[in-house]
C-alpha atoms as a PDB file:
ATOM      1  CA  MET A   1      95.985  93.280  94.656  1.00  0.00           C
ATOM      2  CA  ARG A   2      93.504  93.459  97.615  1.00  0.00           C
ATOM      3  CA  LEU A   3      93.333  90.638  99.602  1.00  0.00           C
ATOM      4  CA  GLN A   4      89.429  91.266  99.917  1.00  0.00           C
ATOM      5  CA  HIS A   5      88.916  90.586  95.546  1.00  0.00           C
ATOM      6  CA  MET A   6      91.720  86.735  96.076  1.00  0.00           C
ATOM      7  CA  THR A   7      90.573  82.924  97.016  1.00  0.00           C
ATOM      8  CA  TRP A   8      92.489  81.410  99.677  1.00  0.00           C
ATOM      9  CA  MET A   9      93.953  79.037  97.727  1.00  0.00           C
ATOM     10  CA  GLU A  10      95.548  82.397  95.852  1.00  0.00           C
ATOM     11  CA  VAL A  11      96.841  83.585  99.429  1.00  0.00           C
ATOM     12  CA  GLU A  12      97.678  79.938  99.570  1.00  0.00           C
ATOM     13  CA  ALA A  13      99.856  80.044  96.316  1.00  0.00           C
ATOM     14  CA  TYR A  14     101.559  83.893  96.878  1.00  0.00           C
ATOM     15  CA  LEU A  15     102.608  82.570 100.395  1.00  0.00           C
ATOM     16  CA  LYS A  16     104.750  79.497  98.657  1.00  0.00           C
ATOM     17  CA  GLU A  17     106.615  82.484  96.602  1.00  0.00           C
ATOM     18  CA  GLN A  18     105.896  86.081  99.146  1.00  0.00           C
ATOM     19  CA  LYS A  19     105.981  85.987 102.608  1.00  0.00           C
ATOM     20  CA  GLY A  20     104.545  90.190 103.215  1.00  0.00           C
ATOM     21  CA  ILE A  21     101.493  92.405 103.026  1.00  0.00           C
ATOM     22  CA  ILE A  22     101.050  95.900 103.654  1.00  0.00           C
ATOM     23  CA  VAL A  23      98.893  97.130 105.895  1.00  0.00           C
ATOM     24  CA  PRO A  24      97.076 100.207 105.171  1.00  0.00           C
ATOM     25  CA  ILE A  25      96.161 101.953 108.193  1.00  0.00           C
ATOM     26  CA  GLY A  26      94.094 105.686 109.337  1.00  0.00           C
ATOM     27  CA  SER A  27      91.301 106.827 110.845  1.00  0.00           C
ATOM     28  CA  THR A  28      88.103 108.388 110.398  1.00  0.00           C
ATOM     29  CA  GLU A  29      87.751 111.907 111.452  1.00  0.00           C
ATOM     30  CA  GLN A  30      87.033 115.355 110.762  1.00  0.00           C
ATOM     31  CA  HIS A  31      89.602 117.161 108.052  1.00  0.00           C
ATOM     32  CA  GLY A  32      88.457 120.682 108.123  1.00  0.00           C
ATOM     33  CA  PRO A  33      85.899 122.269 106.677  1.00  0.00           C
ATOM     34  CA  ILE A  34      86.457 120.717 103.095  1.00  0.00           C
ATOM     35  CA  GLY A  35      88.074 117.744 103.798  1.00  0.00           C
ATOM     36  CA  LEU A  36      86.787 113.871 103.653  1.00  0.00           C
ATOM     37  CA  ILE A  37      86.308 112.004 106.772  1.00  0.00           C
ATOM     38  CA  GLY A  38      87.939 108.952 105.679  1.00  0.00           C
ATOM     39  CA  THR A  39      91.198 111.181 104.436  1.00  0.00           C
ATOM     40  CA  ASP A  40      93.308 109.061 106.448  1.00  0.00           C
ATOM     41  CA  ALA A  41      92.485 105.759 105.353  1.00  0.00           C
ATOM     42  CA  ILE A  42      92.119 107.250 101.934  1.00  0.00           C
ATOM     43  CA  CYS A  43      95.861 108.564 101.219  1.00  0.00           C
ATOM     44  CA  PRO A  44      97.235 105.107 102.475  1.00  0.00           C
ATOM     45  CA  GLU A  45      95.063 102.860 100.995  1.00  0.00           C
ATOM     46  CA  VAL A  46      95.107 104.606  97.183  1.00  0.00           C
ATOM     47  CA  ILE A  47      98.984 104.715  97.798  1.00  0.00           C
ATOM     48  CA  ALA A  48      99.235 101.298  98.801  1.00  0.00           C
ATOM     49  CA  ASP A  49      97.612 100.652  95.715  1.00  0.00           C
ATOM     50  CA  LYS A  50      99.873 102.051  93.440  1.00  0.00           C
ATOM     51  CA  ALA A  51     103.107 100.491  95.250  1.00  0.00           C
ATOM     52  CA  ALA A  52     101.387  97.445  94.607  1.00  0.00           C
ATOM     53  CA  GLU A  53     101.389  97.582  90.895  1.00  0.00           C
ATOM     54  CA  THR A  54     105.317  97.518  91.092  1.00  0.00           C
ATOM     55  CA  LEU A  55     105.694  95.201  94.172  1.00  0.00           C
ATOM     56  CA  GLY A  56     103.242  92.782  93.506  1.00  0.00           C
ATOM     57  CA  CYS A  57     102.382  91.998  96.710  1.00  0.00           C
ATOM     58  CA  ILE A  58      98.903  91.525  98.754  1.00  0.00           C
ATOM     59  CA  ILE A  59      97.751  94.654 100.270  1.00  0.00           C
ATOM     60  CA  GLY A  60      95.596  94.196 103.121  1.00  0.00           C
ATOM     61  CA  PRO A  61      91.742  95.348 104.393  1.00  0.00           C
ATOM     62  CA  THR A  62      92.716  99.073 105.565  1.00  0.00           C
ATOM     63  CA  ILE A  63      92.015  99.274 109.292  1.00  0.00           C
ATOM     64  CA  SER A  64      89.981 102.927 108.888  1.00  0.00           C
ATOM     65  CA  VAL A  65      89.367 103.718 112.463  1.00  0.00           C
ATOM     66  CA  GLY A  66      92.386 104.446 114.211  1.00  0.00           C
ATOM     67  CA  MET A  67      93.112 106.908 118.056  1.00  0.00           C
ATOM     68  CA  ALA A  68      91.292 109.983 117.293  1.00  0.00           C
ATOM     69  CA  GLN A  69      89.440 110.760 120.480  1.00  0.00           C
ATOM     70  CA  HIS A  70      90.700 114.305 119.996  1.00  0.00           C
ATOM     71  CA  HIS A  71      88.192 114.936 116.800  1.00  0.00           C
ATOM     72  CA  LEU A  72      85.023 113.255 118.454  1.00  0.00           C
ATOM     73  CA  ALA A  73      83.412 116.870 119.170  1.00  0.00           C
ATOM     74  CA  PHE A  74      82.962 116.677 115.403  1.00  0.00           C
ATOM     75  CA  PRO A  75      79.889 115.143 113.729  1.00  0.00           C
ATOM     76  CA  GLY A  76      81.170 111.747 112.089  1.00  0.00           C
ATOM     77  CA  SER A  77      84.616 111.300 113.662  1.00  0.00           C
ATOM     78  CA  VAL A  78      84.790 107.728 115.115  1.00  0.00           C
ATOM     79  CA  ALA A  79      87.879 106.468 117.087  1.00  0.00           C
ATOM     80  CA  LEU A  80      89.236 103.685 119.134  1.00  0.00           C
ATOM     81  CA  ARG A  81      90.706 103.909 123.013  1.00  0.00           C
ATOM     82  CA  PRO A  82      94.644 102.955 122.162  1.00  0.00           C
ATOM     83  CA  SER A  83      94.184 100.063 124.135  1.00  0.00           C
ATOM     84  CA  THR A  84      91.269  98.467 121.604  1.00  0.00           C
ATOM     85  CA  LEU A  85      93.236  99.575 118.996  1.00  0.00           C
ATOM     86  CA  ILE A  86      96.255  97.035 119.766  1.00  0.00           C
ATOM     87  CA  LEU A  87      94.401  94.675 120.204  1.00  0.00           C
ATOM     88  CA  VAL A  88      93.221  94.875 116.818  1.00  0.00           C
ATOM     89  CA  ILE A  89      96.618  95.470 115.051  1.00  0.00           C
ATOM     90  CA  ARG A  90      97.115  92.368 117.100  1.00  0.00           C
ATOM     91  CA  ASP A  91      94.474  89.919 116.440  1.00  0.00           C
ATOM     92  CA  TYR A  92      94.940  91.126 112.797  1.00  0.00           C
ATOM     93  CA  VAL A  93      98.295  90.677 112.184  1.00  0.00           C
ATOM     94  CA  LEU A  94      98.598  87.134 114.039  1.00  0.00           C
ATOM     95  CA  SER A  95      95.402  85.881 112.408  1.00  0.00           C
ATOM     96  CA  LEU A  96      97.529  86.030 109.370  1.00  0.00           C
ATOM     97  CA  ALA A  97     100.656  85.328 110.557  1.00  0.00           C
ATOM     98  CA  ARG A  98      98.604  81.554 111.494  1.00  0.00           C
ATOM     99  CA  ASN A  99      98.747  80.798 107.562  1.00  0.00           C
ATOM    100  CA  GLY A 100     101.878  81.683 106.820  1.00  0.00           C
ATOM    101  CA  PHE A 101     102.216  85.562 106.614  1.00  0.00           C
ATOM    102  CA  GLU A 102     105.638  87.079 107.956  1.00  0.00           C
ATOM    103  CA  ARG A 103     106.544  90.734 107.005  1.00  0.00           C
ATOM    104  CA  PHE A 104     103.457  93.311 107.931  1.00  0.00           C
ATOM    105  CA  TYR A 105     104.180  97.037 106.596  1.00  0.00           C
ATOM    106  CA  PHE A 106     101.885  99.350 107.731  1.00  0.00           C
ATOM    107  CA  LEU A 107     101.386 101.851 106.241  1.00  0.00           C
ATOM    108  CA  ASN A 108      99.826 104.742 108.131  1.00  0.00           C
ATOM    109  CA  GLY A 109      97.963 108.140 107.394  1.00  0.00           C
ATOM    110  CA  HIS A 110      97.360 109.208 110.830  1.00  0.00           C
ATOM    111  CA  GLY A 111      99.701 110.767 113.521  1.00  0.00           C
ATOM    112  CA  GLY A 112      97.193 109.695 116.527  1.00  0.00           C
ATOM    113  CA  ASN A 113      98.134 106.235 115.314  1.00  0.00           C
ATOM    114  CA  ILE A 114     101.835 106.409 115.450  1.00  0.00           C
ATOM    115  CA  ALA A 115     102.614 105.858 119.747  1.00  0.00           C
ATOM    116  CA  THR A 116      99.567 102.679 119.603  1.00  0.00           C
ATOM    117  CA  THR A 117     101.136 101.032 116.779  1.00  0.00           C
ATOM    118  CA  GLN A 118     104.414 100.875 117.842  1.00  0.00           C
ATOM    119  CA  ALA A 119     102.738  99.888 121.169  1.00  0.00           C
ATOM    120  CA  ALA A 120     101.070  97.539 119.060  1.00  0.00           C
ATOM    121  CA  PHE A 121     104.344  95.682 117.773  1.00  0.00           C
ATOM    122  CA  SER A 122     105.672  95.667 121.215  1.00  0.00           C
ATOM    123  CA  GLU A 123     102.704  93.390 121.849  1.00  0.00           C
ATOM    124  CA  ILE A 124     102.498  91.214 118.925  1.00  0.00           C
ATOM    125  CA  TYR A 125     107.168  90.318 119.369  1.00  0.00           C
ATOM    126  CA  ALA A 126     105.665  89.634 123.240  1.00  0.00           C
ATOM    127  CA  GLU A 127     103.676  86.391 121.868  1.00  0.00           C
ATOM    128  CA  THR A 128     106.832  85.235 120.894  1.00  0.00           C
ATOM    129  CA  SER A 129     109.038  85.632 123.651  1.00  0.00           C
ATOM    130  CA  LEU A 130     106.774  84.681 126.386  1.00  0.00           C
ATOM    131  CA  ASN A 131     106.102  82.045 124.008  1.00  0.00           C
ATOM    132  CA  PRO A 132     109.060  80.308 122.651  1.00  0.00           C
ATOM    133  CA  GLY A 133     107.792  77.167 121.206  1.00  0.00           C
ATOM    134  CA  TRP A 134     104.332  78.718 119.705  1.00  0.00           C
ATOM    135  CA  GLY A 135     104.893  77.530 116.292  1.00  0.00           C
ATOM    136  CA  ARG A 136     104.411  80.360 114.345  1.00  0.00           C
ATOM    137  CA  PRO A 137     106.494  82.306 111.938  1.00  0.00           C
ATOM    138  CA  HIS A 138     109.210  85.128 112.475  1.00  0.00           C
ATOM    139  CA  ILE A 139     107.031  87.975 113.077  1.00  0.00           C
ATOM    140  CA  ARG A 140     108.339  90.996 111.668  1.00  0.00           C
ATOM    141  CA  CYS A 141     106.195  94.670 111.774  1.00  0.00           C
ATOM    142  CA  LYS A 142     107.067  97.970 110.032  1.00  0.00           C
ATOM    143  CA  LEU A 143     105.488 101.545 110.081  1.00  0.00           C
ATOM    144  CA  ALA A 144     105.962 103.885 107.657  1.00  0.00           C
ATOM    145  CA  ASN A 145     103.573 107.408 107.539  1.00  0.00           C
ATOM    146  CA  TRP A 146     103.020 108.033 103.685  1.00  0.00           C
ATOM    147  CA  PHE A 147     103.753 111.660 104.612  1.00  0.00           C
ATOM    148  CA  GLY A 148     106.686 110.956 106.429  1.00  0.00           C
ATOM    149  CA  PHE A 149     109.090 110.224 103.776  1.00  0.00           C
ATOM    150  CA  GLN A 150     111.343 112.755 102.810  1.00  0.00           C
ATOM    151  CA  PRO A 151     110.715 113.190  99.253  1.00  0.00           C
ATOM    152  CA  VAL A 152     107.321 113.576 100.731  1.00  0.00           C
ATOM    153  CA  THR A 153     108.051 116.773 102.884  1.00  0.00           C
ATOM    154  CA  ALA A 154     110.043 118.422 100.430  1.00  0.00           C
ATOM    155  CA  LEU A 155     107.482 118.081  97.795  1.00  0.00           C
ATOM    156  CA  CYS A 156     104.974 119.321 100.549  1.00  0.00           C
ATOM    157  CA  LYS A 157     107.173 122.273 100.837  1.00  0.00           C
ATOM    158  CA  GLU A 158     107.045 123.009  97.057  1.00  0.00           C
ATOM    159  CA  LEU A 159     103.832 122.950  96.724  1.00  0.00           C
ATOM    160  CA  TYR A 160     102.682 124.820  99.514  1.00  0.00           C
ATOM    161  CA  GLY A 161     105.474 126.394 101.551  1.00  0.00           C
ATOM    162  CA  ASP A 162     104.760 127.081 105.269  1.00  0.00           C
ATOM    163  CA  ARG A 163     101.127 126.671 104.882  1.00  0.00           C
ATOM    164  CA  ASP A 164     100.344 122.890 104.715  1.00  0.00           C
ATOM    165  CA  GLY A 165     100.188 122.631 108.314  1.00  0.00           C
ATOM    166  CA  SER A 166      99.567 119.453 110.711  1.00  0.00           C
ATOM    167  CA  HIS A 167      95.609 118.669 110.550  1.00  0.00           C
ATOM    168  CA  ALA A 168      93.258 119.173 107.583  1.00  0.00           C
ATOM    169  CA  THR A 169      96.561 119.546 105.404  1.00  0.00           C
ATOM    170  CA  ALA A 170      96.568 121.260 101.559  1.00  0.00           C
ATOM    171  CA  SER A 171      98.630 117.608 100.730  1.00  0.00           C
ATOM    172  CA  GLU A 172      95.889 115.152 102.379  1.00  0.00           C
ATOM    173  CA  VAL A 173      93.136 117.003 101.010  1.00  0.00           C
ATOM    174  CA  ALA A 174      94.853 117.279  97.737  1.00  0.00           C
ATOM    175  CA  VAL A 175      95.844 113.333  97.782  1.00  0.00           C
ATOM    176  CA  THR A 176      92.111 112.540  98.357  1.00  0.00           C
ATOM    177  CA  GLN A 177      90.666 114.864  95.818  1.00  0.00           C
ATOM    178  CA  TYR A 178      93.112 112.836  93.228  1.00  0.00           C
ATOM    179  CA  ALA A 179      91.739 109.104  94.721  1.00  0.00           C
ATOM    180  CA  CYS A 180      87.919 110.867  95.176  1.00  0.00           C
ATOM    181  CA  PRO A 181      87.159 113.685  92.498  1.00  0.00           C
ATOM    182  CA  GLU A 182      84.037 112.973  92.179  1.00  0.00           C
ATOM    183  CA  HIS A 183      83.846 114.096  96.091  1.00  0.00           C
ATOM    184  CA  ILE A 184      85.486 117.353  95.702  1.00  0.00           C
ATOM    185  CA  LYS A 185      83.945 119.932  98.548  1.00  0.00           C
ATOM    186  CA  SER A 186      84.726 123.605  98.226  1.00  0.00           C
ATOM    187  CA  VAL A 187      83.710 126.104 101.364  1.00  0.00           C
ATOM    188  CA  PRO A 188      84.699 129.726 101.841  1.00  0.00           C
ATOM    189  CA  MET A 189      87.644 129.643 103.532  1.00  0.00           C
ATOM    190  CA  GLU A 190      90.232 131.864 105.653  1.00  0.00           C
ATOM    191  CA  PRO A 191      94.166 130.982 105.703  1.00  0.00           C
ATOM    192  CA  ALA A 192      93.870 129.229 108.855  1.00  0.00           C
ATOM    193  CA  PRO A 193      95.203 130.642 112.426  1.00  0.00           C
ATOM    194  CA  PRO A 194      98.692 129.529 113.855  1.00  0.00           C
ATOM    195  CA  ARG A 195      98.299 126.786 116.082  1.00  0.00           C
ATOM    196  CA  PRO A 196      98.167 129.021 119.481  1.00  0.00           C
ATOM    197  CA  ARG A 197      99.010 125.498 121.778  1.00  0.00           C
ATOM    198  CA  ALA A 198      99.105 121.342 122.081  1.00  0.00           C
ATOM    199  CA  PHE A 199      95.047 120.048 123.000  1.00  0.00           C
ATOM    200  CA  LEU A 200      94.017 118.088 125.247  1.00  0.00           C
ATOM    201  CA  ASP A 201      90.298 116.883 125.101  1.00  0.00           C
ATOM    202  CA  ALA A 202      88.013 116.621 122.269  1.00  0.00           C
ATOM    203  CA  ASP A 203      86.044 119.662 123.806  1.00  0.00           C
ATOM    204  CA  ASP A 204      89.587 121.441 123.626  1.00  0.00           C
ATOM    205  CA  TYR A 205      90.000 120.583 120.585  1.00  0.00           C
ATOM    206  CA  ARG A 206      87.043 122.194 118.844  1.00  0.00           C
ATOM    207  CA  SER A 207      87.682 125.194 121.162  1.00  0.00           C
ATOM    208  CA  ILE A 208      90.872 126.690 119.626  1.00  0.00           C
ATOM    209  CA  HIS A 209      90.479 125.185 116.427  1.00  0.00           C
ATOM    210  CA  PRO A 210      87.172 125.887 116.344  1.00  0.00           C
ATOM    211  CA  ASP A 211      86.775 124.929 112.042  1.00  0.00           C
ATOM    212  CA  GLY A 212      88.660 121.391 112.258  1.00  0.00           C
ATOM    213  CA  ARG A 213      91.717 122.582 111.328  1.00  0.00           C
ATOM    214  CA  ILE A 214      95.323 123.286 112.478  1.00  0.00           C
ATOM    215  CA  GLY A 215      97.162 125.446 110.286  1.00  0.00           C
ATOM    216  CA  ALA A 216      96.125 124.478 107.057  1.00  0.00           C
ATOM    217  CA  ASP A 217      95.309 125.963 104.442  1.00  0.00           C
ATOM    218  CA  SER A 218      93.440 123.379 102.704  1.00  0.00           C
ATOM    219  CA  PHE A 219      91.680 125.685 100.178  1.00  0.00           C
ATOM    220  CA  LEU A 220      95.291 124.791  98.333  1.00  0.00           C
ATOM    221  CA  ALA A 221      94.506 121.396  97.386  1.00  0.00           C
ATOM    222  CA  THR A 222      94.347 120.612  94.018  1.00  0.00           C
ATOM    223  CA  PRO A 223      93.755 117.165  92.575  1.00  0.00           C
ATOM    224  CA  GLU A 224      96.906 117.713  90.212  1.00  0.00           C
ATOM    225  CA  ALA A 225      98.649 117.906  93.158  1.00  0.00           C
ATOM    226  CA  GLY A 226      97.382 114.770  94.773  1.00  0.00           C
ATOM    227  CA  GLY A 227      98.449 113.131  92.317  1.00  0.00           C
ATOM    228  CA  LYS A 228     102.008 114.125  92.404  1.00  0.00           C
ATOM    229  CA  LEU A 229     102.059 113.087  95.688  1.00  0.00           C
ATOM    230  CA  VAL A 230     100.660 109.989  95.180  1.00  0.00           C
ATOM    231  CA  ALA A 231     103.587 108.848  92.820  1.00  0.00           C
ATOM    232  CA  THR A 232     106.405 110.258  95.028  1.00  0.00           C
ATOM    233  CA  SER A 233     105.165 108.790  98.054  1.00  0.00           C
ATOM    234  CA  ALA A 234     104.435 105.287  96.546  1.00  0.00           C
ATOM    235  CA  ALA A 235     107.977 105.695  94.933  1.00  0.00           C
ATOM    236  CA  SER A 236     109.591 105.900  98.694  1.00  0.00           C
ATOM    237  CA  VAL A 237     107.121 103.121  99.714  1.00  0.00           C
ATOM    238  CA  ILE A 238     108.307 100.767  96.932  1.00  0.00           C
ATOM    239  CA  GLU A 239     112.268 101.638  98.310  1.00  0.00           C
ATOM    240  CA  ASP A 240     111.143 101.072 101.723  1.00  0.00           C
ATOM    241  CA  TYR A 241     109.058  97.819 101.137  1.00  0.00           C
ATOM    242  CA  LYS A 242     111.698  96.090  99.529  1.00  0.00           C
ATOM    243  CA  ALA A 243     114.360  97.208 102.227  1.00  0.00           C
ATOM    244  CA  PHE A 244     111.864  95.873 104.449  1.00  0.00           C
ATOM    245  CA  MET A 245     111.901  92.203 102.920  1.00  0.00           C
ATOM    246  CA  ALA A 246     115.581  91.738 102.364  1.00  0.00           C
ATOM    247  CA  GLU A 247     116.489  92.028 106.070  1.00  0.00           C
ATOM    248  CA  ALA A 248     117.657  89.553 107.469  1.00  0.00           C
END
């Protein structure tokens, strides 16, 4: 149930029964020779859709541009400064809280967003701490990474062994192949070399990872594996979201 597909009256009725919302958050950045630039937004979005079929909850508009400055040496990548992303998340949450949403479950698809999103939550909580009479509902936020649930990591290990890598992974490419079969790409690729060291800025990243991958054999991806990953992650989201909603 996408917020964009509802009327304000339907949202008002929903809020009489439920106070939670799932917010997919990702990035718009290169994902190697065959990975879609929208991968990190597509993955949490399709998994949130699957989970919402069971949960009956609203899915908010995807935050599809994230903290990705280190990818900017590759054409098509778009990034927000950490300070900008903090403000985007803050205003997103406070906008919805104004009319009664209380629990915000951020389903993330991009590792680079993690620290910034947690900082945004701290800014949101500061609003209530510094303004105790502000008259808004008690807000609680949670961040979950679709790829971080134990059943998902176990499935990735089963599917790819140690060849999944850490960027432009076979697992995330597989999810997009399942979600967007009309956009599957194929180009010749060698196995990815091991990661030599940590990267710094965008030019440094491209100098040590010239095709964009980080230790990832993306060519192992298949739509069939993507379907398994979506189902496995969605099952974990359902369990985790329910526990979040049940917290005192």
